[in-house]
C-alpha cells in the first residue's frame, strides 16, 4: 500500500460513488479461483468468461477484467453498484485498505482526509 495514504476501516465510509471502479488506466487482475467464481456467478463457462470478459494484461503476465470504452469496469452498474459484488475480485474488495494508487485520495471521496 502507498505509505503516504493509510486508510483504516474504522475511519473509512464508502460513498458508493463508483469512482474506484473508474480509476483511469486501472486494471483488475483475476486469478483462476476468481475466474471460476465470477463465471459461475454469471452462469458462464470459464472458457466463455475468459474469452468474452477478460483480456491479457499490459505486462502480459495475467488476465484482467475488460473495461468499458469510458475506462470504467464493465461490472459497474448505472446505480454505481458492482454487478458481481458477491464474487468480486480481491483487488476490488481490498480497496482502499490493502492497496491504493498515488491519486486515490483525489479519486475516492471516502479516502479524503477528514
PDB file of N, CA and C in Angstrom:
ATOM      1  N   UNK A   1       0.843  -1.183   0.000  1.00  0.00           N
ATOM      2  CA  UNK A   1       0.000   0.000   0.000  1.00  0.00           C
ATOM      3  C   UNK A   1       0.881   1.236   0.000  1.00  0.00           C
ATOM      4  N   UNK A   2       0.435   2.245  -0.613  1.00  0.00           N
ATOM      5  CA  UNK A   2       1.141   3.511  -0.668  1.00  0.00           C
ATOM      6  C   UNK A   2       1.303   4.038   0.760  1.00  0.00           C
ATOM      7  N   UNK A   3       2.546   4.231   1.184  1.00  0.00           N
ATOM      8  CA  UNK A   3       2.800   4.672   2.563  1.00  0.00           C
ATOM      9  C   UNK A   3       2.216   6.048   2.861  1.00  0.00           C
ATOM     10  N   UNK A   4       2.083   6.895   1.848  1.00  0.00           N
ATOM     11  CA  UNK A   4       1.568   8.243   2.063  1.00  0.00           C
ATOM     12  C   UNK A   4       0.086   8.228   2.401  1.00  0.00           C
ATOM     13  N   UNK A   5      -0.571   7.118   2.140  1.00  0.00           N
ATOM     14  CA  UNK A   5      -2.011   7.084   2.352  1.00  0.00           C
ATOM     15  C   UNK A   5      -2.392   5.846   3.138  1.00  0.00           C
ATOM     16  N   UNK A   6      -2.696   6.010   4.385  1.00  0.00           N
ATOM     17  CA  UNK A   6      -3.149   4.907   5.220  1.00  0.00           C
ATOM     18  C   UNK A   6      -4.646   5.079   5.431  1.00  0.00           C
ATOM     19  N   UNK A   7      -5.401   4.055   5.110  1.00  0.00           N
ATOM     20  CA  UNK A   7      -6.845   4.105   5.290  1.00  0.00           C
ATOM     21  C   UNK A   7      -7.218   2.961   6.224  1.00  0.00           C
ATOM     22  N   UNK A   8      -7.836   3.294   7.337  1.00  0.00           N
ATOM     23  CA  UNK A   8      -8.271   2.225   8.218  1.00  0.00           C
ATOM     24  C   UNK A   8      -9.782   2.072   8.142  1.00  0.00           C
ATOM     25  N   UNK A   9     -10.229   0.872   8.390  1.00  0.00           N
ATOM     26  CA  UNK A   9     -11.650   0.535   8.234  1.00  0.00           C
ATOM     27  C   UNK A   9     -12.558   1.362   9.145  1.00  0.00           C
ATOM     28  N   UNK A  10     -12.079   1.752  10.312  1.00  0.00           N
ATOM     29  CA  UNK A  10     -12.913   2.496  11.253  1.00  0.00           C
ATOM     30  C   UNK A  10     -13.187   3.925  10.793  1.00  0.00           C
ATOM     31  N   UNK A  11     -12.262   4.504  10.039  1.00  0.00           N
ATOM     32  CA  UNK A  11     -12.417   5.896   9.620  1.00  0.00           C
ATOM     33  C   UNK A  11     -12.822   6.056   8.163  1.00  0.00           C
ATOM     34  N   UNK A  12     -13.105   4.948   7.493  1.00  0.00           N
ATOM     35  CA  UNK A  12     -13.477   4.998   6.081  1.00  0.00           C
ATOM     36  C   UNK A  12     -14.968   4.757   5.928  1.00  0.00           C
ATOM     37  N   UNK A  13     -15.616   5.601   5.153  1.00  0.00           N
ATOM     38  CA  UNK A  13     -17.015   5.406   4.818  1.00  0.00           C
ATOM     39  C   UNK A  13     -17.147   5.456   3.303  1.00  0.00           C
ATOM     40  N   UNK A  14     -17.542   4.337   2.723  1.00  0.00           N
ATOM     41  CA  UNK A  14     -17.730   4.289   1.278  1.00  0.00           C
ATOM     42  C   UNK A  14     -18.902   5.186   0.909  1.00  0.00           C
ATOM     43  N   UNK A  15     -18.705   6.046  -0.063  1.00  0.00           N
ATOM     44  CA  UNK A  15     -19.748   6.981  -0.507  1.00  0.00           C
ATOM     45  C   UNK A  15     -20.589   6.387  -1.629  1.00  0.00           C
ATOM     46  N   UNK A  16     -20.251   5.145  -2.061  1.00  0.00           N
ATOM     47  CA  UNK A  16     -20.992   4.444  -3.117  1.00  0.00           C
ATOM     48  C   UNK A  16     -21.069   5.277  -4.400  1.00  0.00           C
ATOM     49  N   UNK A  17     -19.975   5.953  -4.707  1.00  0.00           N
ATOM     50  CA  UNK A  17     -19.925   6.823  -5.886  1.00  0.00           C
ATOM     51  C   UNK A  17     -19.419   6.091  -7.123  1.00  0.00           C
ATOM     52  N   UNK A  18     -18.759   4.947  -6.942  1.00  0.00           N
ATOM     53  CA  UNK A  18     -18.235   4.186  -8.064  1.00  0.00           C
ATOM     54  C   UNK A  18     -16.936   4.711  -8.637  1.00  0.00           C
ATOM     55  N   UNK A  19     -16.354   5.714  -8.022  1.00  0.00           N
ATOM     56  CA  UNK A  19     -15.114   6.280  -8.574  1.00  0.00           C
ATOM     57  C   UNK A  19     -13.967   5.276  -8.552  1.00  0.00           C
ATOM     58  N   UNK A  20     -13.947   4.384  -7.585  1.00  0.00           N
ATOM     59  CA  UNK A  20     -12.891   3.367  -7.543  1.00  0.00           C
ATOM     60  C   UNK A  20     -12.997   2.420  -8.734  1.00  0.00           C
ATOM     61  N   UNK A  21     -14.159   2.325  -9.321  1.00  0.00           N
ATOM     62  CA  UNK A  21     -14.384   1.474 -10.495  1.00  0.00           C
ATOM     63  C   UNK A  21     -14.147   2.233 -11.793  1.00  0.00           C
ATOM     64  N   UNK A  22     -13.762   3.490 -11.663  1.00  0.00           N
ATOM     65  CA  UNK A  22     -13.490   4.334 -12.831  1.00  0.00           C
ATOM     66  C   UNK A  22     -12.062   4.870 -12.826  1.00  0.00           C
ATOM     67  N   UNK A  23     -11.182   4.303 -12.015  1.00  0.00           N
ATOM     68  CA  UNK A  23      -9.810   4.805 -11.922  1.00  0.00           C
ATOM     69  C   UNK A  23      -9.156   4.734 -13.294  1.00  0.00           C
ATOM     70  N   UNK A  24      -8.645   5.861 -13.746  1.00  0.00           N
ATOM     71  CA  UNK A  24      -8.036   5.952 -15.074  1.00  0.00           C
ATOM     72  C   UNK A  24      -6.916   4.926 -15.204  1.00  0.00           C
ATOM     73  N   UNK A  25      -6.968   4.194 -16.289  1.00  0.00           N
ATOM     74  CA  UNK A  25      -5.974   3.155 -16.583  1.00  0.00           C
ATOM     75  C   UNK A  25      -5.900   2.079 -15.507  1.00  0.00           C
ATOM     76  N   UNK A  26      -6.946   1.948 -14.717  1.00  0.00           N
ATOM     77  CA  UNK A  26      -6.969   0.919 -13.684  1.00  0.00           C
ATOM     78  C   UNK A  26      -7.173  -0.453 -14.304  1.00  0.00           C
ATOM     79  N   UNK A  27      -6.498  -1.431 -13.756  1.00  0.00           N
ATOM     80  CA  UNK A  27      -6.700  -2.797 -14.224  1.00  0.00           C
ATOM     81  C   UNK A  27      -7.012  -3.679 -13.022  1.00  0.00           C
ATOM     82  N   UNK A  28      -7.824  -4.682 -13.268  1.00  0.00           N
ATOM     83  CA  UNK A  28      -8.180  -5.636 -12.226  1.00  0.00           C
ATOM     84  C   UNK A  28      -7.732  -7.018 -12.700  1.00  0.00           C
ATOM     85  N   UNK A  29      -6.646  -7.471 -12.128  1.00  0.00           N
ATOM     86  CA  UNK A  29      -6.145  -8.812 -12.450  1.00  0.00           C
ATOM     87  C   UNK A  29      -7.068  -9.841 -11.816  1.00  0.00           C
ATOM     88  N   UNK A  30      -7.260 -10.944 -12.515  1.00  0.00           N
ATOM     89  CA  UNK A  30      -8.072 -12.037 -11.981  1.00  0.00           C
ATOM     90  C   UNK A  30      -7.275 -13.334 -12.056  1.00  0.00           C
ATOM     91  N   UNK A  31      -7.341 -14.091 -10.962  1.00  0.00           N
ATOM     92  CA  UNK A  31      -6.653 -15.376 -10.918  1.00  0.00           C
ATOM     93  C   UNK A  31      -7.651 -16.492 -11.239  1.00  0.00           C
ATOM     94  N   UNK A  32      -7.177 -17.729 -11.277  1.00  0.00           N
ATOM     95  CA  UNK A  32      -8.024 -18.863 -11.661  1.00  0.00           C
ATOM     96  C   UNK A  32      -9.232 -19.044 -10.741  1.00  0.00           C
ATOM     97  N   UNK A  33      -9.034 -18.866  -9.445  1.00  0.00           N
ATOM     98  CA  UNK A  33     -10.140 -19.011  -8.494  1.00  0.00           C
ATOM     99  C   UNK A  33     -11.189 -17.929  -8.744  1.00  0.00           C
ATOM    100  N   UNK A  34     -10.748 -16.691  -8.952  1.00  0.00           N
ATOM    101  CA  UNK A  34     -11.688 -15.597  -9.208  1.00  0.00           C
ATOM    102  C   UNK A  34     -12.427 -15.816 -10.526  1.00  0.00           C
ATOM    103  N   UNK A  35     -11.718 -16.290 -11.530  1.00  0.00           N
ATOM    104  CA  UNK A  35     -12.355 -16.576 -12.810  1.00  0.00           C
ATOM    105  C   UNK A  35     -13.453 -17.615 -12.628  1.00  0.00           C
ATOM    106  N   UNK A  36     -13.173 -18.672 -11.894  1.00  0.00           N
ATOM    107  CA  UNK A  36     -14.178 -19.721 -11.639  1.00  0.00           C
ATOM    108  C   UNK A  36     -15.397 -19.165 -10.927  1.00  0.00           C
ATOM    109  N   UNK A  37     -15.157 -18.385  -9.874  1.00  0.00           N
ATOM    110  CA  UNK A  37     -16.279 -17.829  -9.087  1.00  0.00           C
ATOM    111  C   UNK A  37     -17.129 -16.873  -9.909  1.00  0.00           C
ATOM    112  N   UNK A  38     -16.475 -15.970 -10.636  1.00  0.00           N
ATOM    113  CA  UNK A  38     -17.225 -14.978 -11.409  1.00  0.00           C
ATOM    114  C   UNK A  38     -17.987 -15.667 -12.539  1.00  0.00           C
ATOM    115  N   UNK A  39     -17.341 -16.577 -13.234  1.00  0.00           N
ATOM    116  CA  UNK A  39     -18.011 -17.295 -14.330  1.00  0.00           C
ATOM    117  C   UNK A  39     -19.249 -18.031 -13.813  1.00  0.00           C
ATOM    118  N   UNK A  40     -19.108 -18.745 -12.695  1.00  0.00           N
ATOM    119  CA  UNK A  40     -20.244 -19.470 -12.124  1.00  0.00           C
ATOM    120  C   UNK A  40     -21.353 -18.499 -11.734  1.00  0.00           C
ATOM    121  N   UNK A  41     -20.998 -17.382 -11.123  1.00  0.00           N
ATOM    122  CA  UNK A  41     -21.977 -16.378 -10.715  1.00  0.00           C
ATOM    123  C   UNK A  41     -22.744 -15.844 -11.927  1.00  0.00           C
ATOM    124  N   UNK A  42     -22.039 -15.668 -13.032  1.00  0.00           N
ATOM    125  CA  UNK A  42     -22.664 -15.145 -14.253  1.00  0.00           C
ATOM    126  C   UNK A  42     -23.328 -16.230 -15.092  1.00  0.00           C
ATOM    127  N   UNK A  43     -23.202 -17.492 -14.671  1.00  0.00           N
ATOM    128  CA  UNK A  43     -23.804 -18.597 -15.404  1.00  0.00           C
ATOM    129  C   UNK A  43     -23.096 -18.878 -16.726  1.00  0.00           C
ATOM    130  N   UNK A  44     -21.789 -18.659 -16.731  1.00  0.00           N
ATOM    131  CA  UNK A  44     -20.985 -18.862 -17.939  1.00  0.00           C
ATOM    132  C   UNK A  44     -19.973 -19.972 -17.682  1.00  0.00           C
ATOM    133  N   UNK A  45     -19.498 -20.570 -18.760  1.00  0.00           N
ATOM    134  CA  UNK A  45     -18.366 -21.483 -18.604  1.00  0.00           C
ATOM    135  C   UNK A  45     -17.128 -20.628 -18.377  1.00  0.00           C
ATOM    136  N   UNK A  46     -16.106 -21.213 -17.771  1.00  0.00           N
ATOM    137  CA  UNK A  46     -14.866 -20.461 -17.564  1.00  0.00           C
ATOM    138  C   UNK A  46     -14.265 -20.029 -18.901  1.00  0.00           C
ATOM    139  N   UNK A  47     -14.322 -20.901 -19.890  1.00  0.00           N
ATOM    140  CA  UNK A  47     -13.793 -20.567 -21.210  1.00  0.00           C
ATOM    141  C   UNK A  47     -14.500 -19.381 -21.836  1.00  0.00           C
ATOM    142  N   UNK A  48     -15.831 -19.377 -21.764  1.00  0.00           N
ATOM    143  CA  UNK A  48     -16.593 -18.243 -22.310  1.00  0.00           C
ATOM    144  C   UNK A  48     -16.284 -16.961 -21.550  1.00  0.00           C
ATOM    145  N   UNK A  49     -16.183 -17.078 -20.218  1.00  0.00           N
ATOM    146  CA  UNK A  49     -15.866 -15.896 -19.420  1.00  0.00           C
ATOM    147  C   UNK A  49     -14.502 -15.328 -19.828  1.00  0.00           C
ATOM    148  N   UNK A  50     -13.509 -16.201 -19.922  1.00  0.00           N
ATOM    149  CA  UNK A  50     -12.165 -15.741 -20.304  1.00  0.00           C
ATOM    150  C   UNK A  50     -12.203 -15.080 -21.676  1.00  0.00           C
ATOM    151  N   UNK A  51     -12.884 -15.705 -22.619  1.00  0.00           N
ATOM    152  CA  UNK A  51     -12.931 -15.180 -23.989  1.00  0.00           C
ATOM    153  C   UNK A  51     -13.673 -13.853 -24.082  1.00  0.00           C
ATOM    154  N   UNK A  52     -14.790 -13.727 -23.371  1.00  0.00           N
ATOM    155  CA  UNK A  52     -15.664 -12.560 -23.536  1.00  0.00           C
ATOM    156  C   UNK A  52     -15.440 -11.446 -22.522  1.00  0.00           C
ATOM    157  N   UNK A  53     -14.930 -11.785 -21.328  1.00  0.00           N
ATOM    158  CA  UNK A  53     -14.898 -10.805 -20.247  1.00  0.00           C
ATOM    159  C   UNK A  53     -13.501 -10.415 -19.770  1.00  0.00           C
ATOM    160  N   UNK A  54     -12.464 -11.043 -20.336  1.00  0.00           N
ATOM    161  CA  UNK A  54     -11.098 -10.719 -19.907  1.00  0.00           C
ATOM    162  C   UNK A  54     -10.226 -10.401 -21.106  1.00  0.00           C
ATOM    163  N   UNK A  55      -9.061  -9.873 -20.812  1.00  0.00           N
ATOM    164  CA  UNK A  55      -8.031  -9.663 -21.829  1.00  0.00           C
ATOM    165  C   UNK A  55      -6.681  -9.839 -21.151  1.00  0.00           C
ATOM    166  N   UNK A  56      -5.642  -9.922 -21.951  1.00  0.00           N
ATOM    167  CA  UNK A  56      -4.296 -10.074 -21.401  1.00  0.00           C
ATOM    168  C   UNK A  56      -3.848  -8.730 -20.846  1.00  0.00           C
ATOM    169  N   UNK A  57      -3.228  -8.756 -19.670  1.00  0.00           N
ATOM    170  CA  UNK A  57      -2.755  -7.516 -19.035  1.00  0.00           C
ATOM    171  C   UNK A  57      -1.664  -6.867 -19.878  1.00  0.00           C
ATOM    172  N   UNK A  58      -1.475  -5.549 -19.710  1.00  0.00           N
ATOM    173  CA  UNK A  58      -0.436  -4.852 -20.475  1.00  0.00           C
ATOM    174  C   UNK A  58       0.959  -5.469 -20.305  1.00  0.00           C
ATOM    175  N   UNK A  59       1.251  -6.018 -19.110  1.00  0.00           N
ATOM    176  CA  UNK A  59       2.561  -6.643 -18.909  1.00  0.00           C
ATOM    177  C   UNK A  59       2.584  -8.106 -19.362  1.00  0.00           C
ATOM    178  N   UNK A  60       1.442  -8.581 -19.871  1.00  0.00           N
ATOM    179  CA  UNK A  60       1.280  -9.928 -20.423  1.00  0.00           C
ATOM    180  C   UNK A  60       1.513 -11.034 -19.388  1.00  0.00           C
ATOM    181  N   UNK A  61       1.322 -10.722 -18.106  1.00  0.00           N
ATOM    182  CA  UNK A  61       1.567 -11.698 -17.044  1.00  0.00           C
ATOM    183  C   UNK A  61       0.297 -12.305 -16.466  1.00  0.00           C
ATOM    184  N   UNK A  62      -0.864 -11.767 -16.839  1.00  0.00           N
ATOM    185  CA  UNK A  62      -2.110 -12.276 -16.268  1.00  0.00           C
ATOM    186  C   UNK A  62      -3.289 -11.834 -17.122  1.00  0.00           C
ATOM    187  N   UNK A  63      -4.458 -12.320 -16.732  1.00  0.00           N
ATOM    188  CA  UNK A  63      -5.687 -11.843 -17.347  1.00  0.00           C
ATOM    189  C   UNK A  63      -6.256 -10.730 -16.479  1.00  0.00           C
ATOM    190  N   UNK A  64      -6.922  -9.806 -17.127  1.00  0.00           N
ATOM    191  CA  UNK A  64      -7.577  -8.703 -16.414  1.00  0.00           C
ATOM    192  C   UNK A  64      -9.015  -8.600 -16.901  1.00  0.00           C
ATOM    193  N   UNK A  65      -9.862  -8.015 -16.075  1.00  0.00           N
ATOM    194  CA  UNK A  65     -11.232  -7.762 -16.497  1.00  0.00           C
ATOM    195  C   UNK A  65     -11.231  -6.691 -17.583  1.00  0.00           C
ATOM    196  N   UNK A  66     -12.096  -6.859 -18.541  1.00  0.00           N
ATOM    197  CA  UNK A  66     -12.232  -5.837 -19.588  1.00  0.00           C
ATOM    198  C   UNK A  66     -12.815  -4.570 -18.980  1.00  0.00           C
ATOM    199  N   UNK A  67     -12.528  -3.472 -19.609  1.00  0.00           N
ATOM    200  CA  UNK A  67     -13.099  -2.183 -19.204  1.00  0.00           C
ATOM    201  C   UNK A  67     -14.073  -1.723 -20.277  1.00  0.00           C
ATOM    202  N   UNK A  68     -14.974  -0.841 -19.902  1.00  0.00           N
ATOM    203  CA  UNK A  68     -15.858  -0.215 -20.879  1.00  0.00           C
ATOM    204  C   UNK A  68     -15.048   0.779 -21.704  1.00  0.00           C
ATOM    205  N   UNK A  69     -15.637   1.284 -22.757  1.00  0.00           N
ATOM    206  CA  UNK A  69     -14.943   2.267 -23.600  1.00  0.00           C
ATOM    207  C   UNK A  69     -14.570   3.518 -22.822  1.00  0.00           C
ATOM    208  N   UNK A  70     -15.362   3.864 -21.796  1.00  0.00           N
ATOM    209  CA  UNK A  70     -15.053   5.054 -20.993  1.00  0.00           C
ATOM    210  C   UNK A  70     -14.011   4.764 -19.913  1.00  0.00           C
ATOM    211  N   UNK A  71     -13.516   3.526 -19.852  1.00  0.00           N
ATOM    212  CA  UNK A  71     -12.481   3.151 -18.900  1.00  0.00           C
ATOM    213  C   UNK A  71     -12.998   2.541 -17.614  1.00  0.00           C
ATOM    214  N   UNK A  72     -14.293   2.626 -17.371  1.00  0.00           N
ATOM    215  CA  UNK A  72     -14.867   2.069 -16.148  1.00  0.00           C
ATOM    216  C   UNK A  72     -14.939   0.548 -16.237  1.00  0.00           C
ATOM    217  N   UNK A  73     -15.044  -0.073 -15.104  1.00  0.00           N
ATOM    218  CA  UNK A  73     -15.224  -1.524 -15.042  1.00  0.00           C
ATOM    219  C   UNK A  73     -16.546  -1.889 -15.718  1.00  0.00           C
ATOM    220  N   UNK A  74     -16.539  -2.971 -16.478  1.00  0.00           N
ATOM    221  CA  UNK A  74     -17.758  -3.398 -17.162  1.00  0.00           C
ATOM    222  C   UNK A  74     -18.852  -3.822 -16.192  1.00  0.00           C
ATOM    223  N   UNK A  75     -18.484  -4.106 -14.957  1.00  0.00           N
ATOM    224  CA  UNK A  75     -19.473  -4.552 -13.979  1.00  0.00           C
ATOM    225  C   UNK A  75     -20.021  -3.429 -13.106  1.00  0.00           C
ATOM    226  N   UNK A  76     -19.625  -2.196 -13.380  1.00  0.00           N
ATOM    227  CA  UNK A  76     -20.182  -1.045 -12.661  1.00  0.00           C
ATOM    228  C   UNK A  76     -21.547  -0.730 -13.255  1.00  0.00           C
ATOM    229  N   UNK A  77     -22.577  -0.763 -12.428  1.00  0.00           N
ATOM    230  CA  UNK A  77     -23.929  -0.502 -12.915  1.00  0.00           C
ATOM    231  C   UNK A  77     -24.207   1.006 -12.960  1.00  0.00           C
ATOM    232  N   UNK A  78     -25.315   1.357 -13.585  1.00  0.00           N
ATOM    233  CA  UNK A  78     -25.724   2.766 -13.650  1.00  0.00           C
ATOM    234  C   UNK A  78     -25.986   3.344 -12.261  1.00  0.00           C
ATOM    235  N   UNK A  79     -26.265   2.477 -11.289  1.00  0.00           N
ATOM    236  CA  UNK A  79     -26.505   2.913  -9.910  1.00  0.00           C
ATOM    237  C   UNK A  79     -25.219   2.927  -9.091  1.00  0.00           C
ATOM    238  N   UNK A  80     -24.054   2.827  -9.766  1.00  0.00           N
ATOM    239  CA  UNK A  80     -22.741   2.810  -9.107  1.00  0.00           C
ATOM    240  C   UNK A  80     -22.560   1.621  -8.170  1.00  0.00           C
ATOM    241  N   UNK A  81     -23.158   0.510  -8.516  1.00  0.00           N
ATOM    242  CA  UNK A  81     -23.017  -0.710  -7.737  1.00  0.00           C
ATOM    243  C   UNK A  81     -22.247  -1.732  -8.556  1.00  0.00           C
ATOM    244  N   UNK A  82     -21.677  -2.710  -7.893  1.00  0.00           N
ATOM    245  CA  UNK A  82     -20.936  -3.767  -8.559  1.00  0.00           C
ATOM    246  C   UNK A  82     -21.894  -4.907  -8.894  1.00  0.00           C
ATOM    247  N   UNK A  83     -22.013  -5.215 -10.174  1.00  0.00           N
ATOM    248  CA  UNK A  83     -22.921  -6.273 -10.613  1.00  0.00           C
ATOM    249  C   UNK A  83     -22.457  -7.663 -10.174  1.00  0.00           C
ATOM    250  N   UNK A  84     -21.175  -7.784  -9.806  1.00  0.00           N
ATOM    251  CA  UNK A  84     -20.649  -9.080  -9.353  1.00  0.00           C
ATOM    252  C   UNK A  84     -20.168  -8.985  -7.897  1.00  0.00           C
ATOM    253  N   UNK A  85     -20.758  -8.087  -7.141  1.00  0.00           N
ATOM    254  CA  UNK A  85     -20.298  -7.818  -5.778  1.00  0.00           C
ATOM    255  C   UNK A  85     -20.058  -9.063  -4.923  1.00  0.00           C
ATOM    256  N   UNK A  86     -20.952 -10.044  -4.914  1.00  0.00           N
ATOM    257  CA  UNK A  86     -20.698 -11.220  -4.049  1.00  0.00           C
ATOM    258  C   UNK A  86     -19.436 -12.001  -4.410  1.00  0.00           C
ATOM    259  N   UNK A  87     -18.950 -11.846  -5.638  1.00  0.00           N
ATOM    260  CA  UNK A  87     -17.783 -12.609  -6.088  1.00  0.00           C
ATOM    261  C   UNK A  87     -16.713 -11.703  -6.694  1.00  0.00           C
ATOM    262  N   UNK A  88     -16.745 -10.433  -6.361  1.00  0.00           N
ATOM    263  CA  UNK A  88     -15.781  -9.515  -6.976  1.00  0.00           C
ATOM    264  C   UNK A  88     -14.351  -9.898  -6.620  1.00  0.00           C
ATOM    265  N   UNK A  89     -13.409  -9.570  -7.509  1.00  0.00           N
ATOM    266  CA  UNK A  89     -12.009  -9.931  -7.270  1.00  0.00           C
ATOM    267  C   UNK A  89     -11.453  -9.312  -5.989  1.00  0.00           C
ATOM    268  N   UNK A  90     -10.412  -9.954  -5.485  1.00  0.00           N
ATOM    269  CA  UNK A  90      -9.768  -9.489  -4.253  1.00  0.00           C
ATOM    270  C   UNK A  90      -9.297  -8.040  -4.376  1.00  0.00           C
ATOM    271  N   UNK A  91      -8.777  -7.664  -5.528  1.00  0.00           N
ATOM    272  CA  UNK A  91      -8.310  -6.284  -5.697  1.00  0.00           C
ATOM    273  C   UNK A  91      -9.437  -5.306  -5.384  1.00  0.00           C
ATOM    274  N   UNK A  92     -10.627  -5.612  -5.853  1.00  0.00           N
ATOM    275  CA  UNK A  92     -11.765  -4.720  -5.624  1.00  0.00           C
ATOM    276  C   UNK A  92     -12.190  -4.715  -4.157  1.00  0.00           C
ATOM    277  N   UNK A  93     -12.230  -5.883  -3.556  1.00  0.00           N
ATOM    278  CA  UNK A  93     -12.717  -5.965  -2.178  1.00  0.00           C
ATOM    279  C   UNK A  93     -11.721  -5.437  -1.157  1.00  0.00           C
ATOM    280  N   UNK A  94     -10.464  -5.281  -1.539  1.00  0.00           N
ATOM    281  CA  UNK A  94      -9.472  -4.794  -0.583  1.00  0.00           C
ATOM    282  C   UNK A  94      -9.141  -3.308  -0.742  1.00  0.00           C
ATOM    283  N   UNK A  95      -9.728  -2.633  -1.733  1.00  0.00           N
ATOM    284  CA  UNK A  95      -9.506  -1.191  -1.880  1.00  0.00           C
ATOM    285  C   UNK A  95     -10.395  -0.467  -0.882  1.00  0.00           C
ATOM    286  N   UNK A  96      -9.919   0.501  -0.156  1.00  0.00           N
ATOM    287  CA  UNK A  96      -8.603   1.122  -0.110  1.00  0.00           C
ATOM    288  C   UNK A  96      -7.763   0.674   1.088  1.00  0.00           C
ATOM    289  N   UNK A  97      -8.070  -0.499   1.627  1.00  0.00           N
ATOM    290  CA  UNK A  97      -7.398  -0.937   2.844  1.00  0.00           C
ATOM    291  C   UNK A  97      -6.065  -1.640   2.583  1.00  0.00           C
ATOM    292  N   UNK A  98      -5.989  -2.416   1.539  1.00  0.00           N
ATOM    293  CA  UNK A  98      -4.778  -3.162   1.231  1.00  0.00           C
ATOM    294  C   UNK A  98      -3.926  -2.481   0.160  1.00  0.00           C
ATOM    295  N   UNK A  99      -4.554  -1.685  -0.674  1.00  0.00           N
ATOM    296  CA  UNK A  99      -3.804  -1.003  -1.729  1.00  0.00           C
ATOM    297  C   UNK A  99      -4.496   0.309  -2.087  1.00  0.00           C
ATOM    298  N   UNK A 100      -3.727   1.226  -2.579  1.00  0.00           N
ATOM    299  CA  UNK A 100      -4.233   2.488  -3.119  1.00  0.00           C
ATOM    300  C   UNK A 100      -3.315   2.901  -4.260  1.00  0.00           C
ATOM    301  N   UNK A 101      -3.769   3.833  -5.038  1.00  0.00           N
ATOM    302  CA  UNK A 101      -2.937   4.473  -6.058  1.00  0.00           C
ATOM    303  C   UNK A 101      -2.462   5.794  -5.474  1.00  0.00           C
ATOM    304  N   UNK A 102      -1.418   6.374  -6.028  1.00  0.00           N
ATOM    305  CA  UNK A 102      -0.960   7.671  -5.510  1.00  0.00           C
ATOM    306  C   UNK A 102      -2.053   8.752  -5.530  1.00  0.00           C
ATOM    307  N   UNK A 103      -3.009   8.632  -6.461  1.00  0.00           N
ATOM    308  CA  UNK A 103      -4.063   9.642  -6.563  1.00  0.00           C
ATOM    309  C   UNK A 103      -5.380   9.208  -5.914  1.00  0.00           C
ATOM    310  N   UNK A 104      -5.371   8.126  -5.143  1.00  0.00           N
ATOM    311  CA  UNK A 104      -6.618   7.610  -4.574  1.00  0.00           C
ATOM    312  C   UNK A 104      -7.368   8.623  -3.726  1.00  0.00           C
ATOM    313  N   UNK A 105      -6.649   9.443  -2.982  1.00  0.00           N
ATOM    314  CA  UNK A 105      -7.350  10.412  -2.130  1.00  0.00           C
ATOM    315  C   UNK A 105      -8.059  11.475  -2.957  1.00  0.00           C
ATOM    316  N   UNK A 106      -7.603  11.733  -4.170  1.00  0.00           N
ATOM    317  CA  UNK A 106      -8.306  12.702  -5.010  1.00  0.00           C
ATOM    318  C   UNK A 106      -9.433  12.033  -5.794  1.00  0.00           C
ATOM    319  N   UNK A 107      -9.336  10.717  -6.003  1.00  0.00           N
ATOM    320  CA  UNK A 107     -10.346   9.978  -6.746  1.00  0.00           C
ATOM    321  C   UNK A 107     -11.492   9.544  -5.844  1.00  0.00           C
ATOM    322  N   UNK A 108     -11.167   9.018  -4.671  1.00  0.00           N
ATOM    323  CA  UNK A 108     -12.158   8.425  -3.777  1.00  0.00           C
ATOM    324  C   UNK A 108     -12.560   9.401  -2.673  1.00  0.00           C
ATOM    325  N   UNK A 109     -13.814   9.850  -2.679  1.00  0.00           N
ATOM    326  CA  UNK A 109     -14.248  10.778  -1.618  1.00  0.00           C
ATOM    327  C   UNK A 109     -14.156  10.180  -0.222  1.00  0.00           C
ATOM    328  N   UNK A 110     -14.287   8.870  -0.090  1.00  0.00           N
ATOM    329  CA  UNK A 110     -14.184   8.219   1.208  1.00  0.00           C
ATOM    330  C   UNK A 110     -12.764   8.200   1.761  1.00  0.00           C
ATOM    331  N   UNK A 111     -11.771   8.374   0.877  1.00  0.00           N
ATOM    332  CA  UNK A 111     -10.369   8.368   1.290  1.00  0.00           C
ATOM    333  C   UNK A 111      -9.847   9.736   1.647  1.00  0.00           C
ATOM    334  N   UNK A 112     -10.604  10.765   1.373  1.00  0.00           N
ATOM    335  CA  UNK A 112     -10.127  12.118   1.623  1.00  0.00           C
ATOM    336  C   UNK A 112      -9.973  12.359   3.120  1.00  0.00           C
ATOM    337  N   UNK A 113      -8.933  13.051   3.461  1.00  0.00           N
ATOM    338  CA  UNK A 113      -8.672  13.380   4.869  1.00  0.00           C
ATOM    339  C   UNK A 113      -9.848  14.179   5.390  1.00  0.00           C
ATOM    340  N   UNK A 114     -10.316  13.774   6.553  1.00  0.00           N
ATOM    341  CA  UNK A 114     -11.489  14.445   7.145  1.00  0.00           C
ATOM    342  C   UNK A 114     -11.048  15.527   8.110  1.00  0.00           C
TER     343      UNK A 114
END
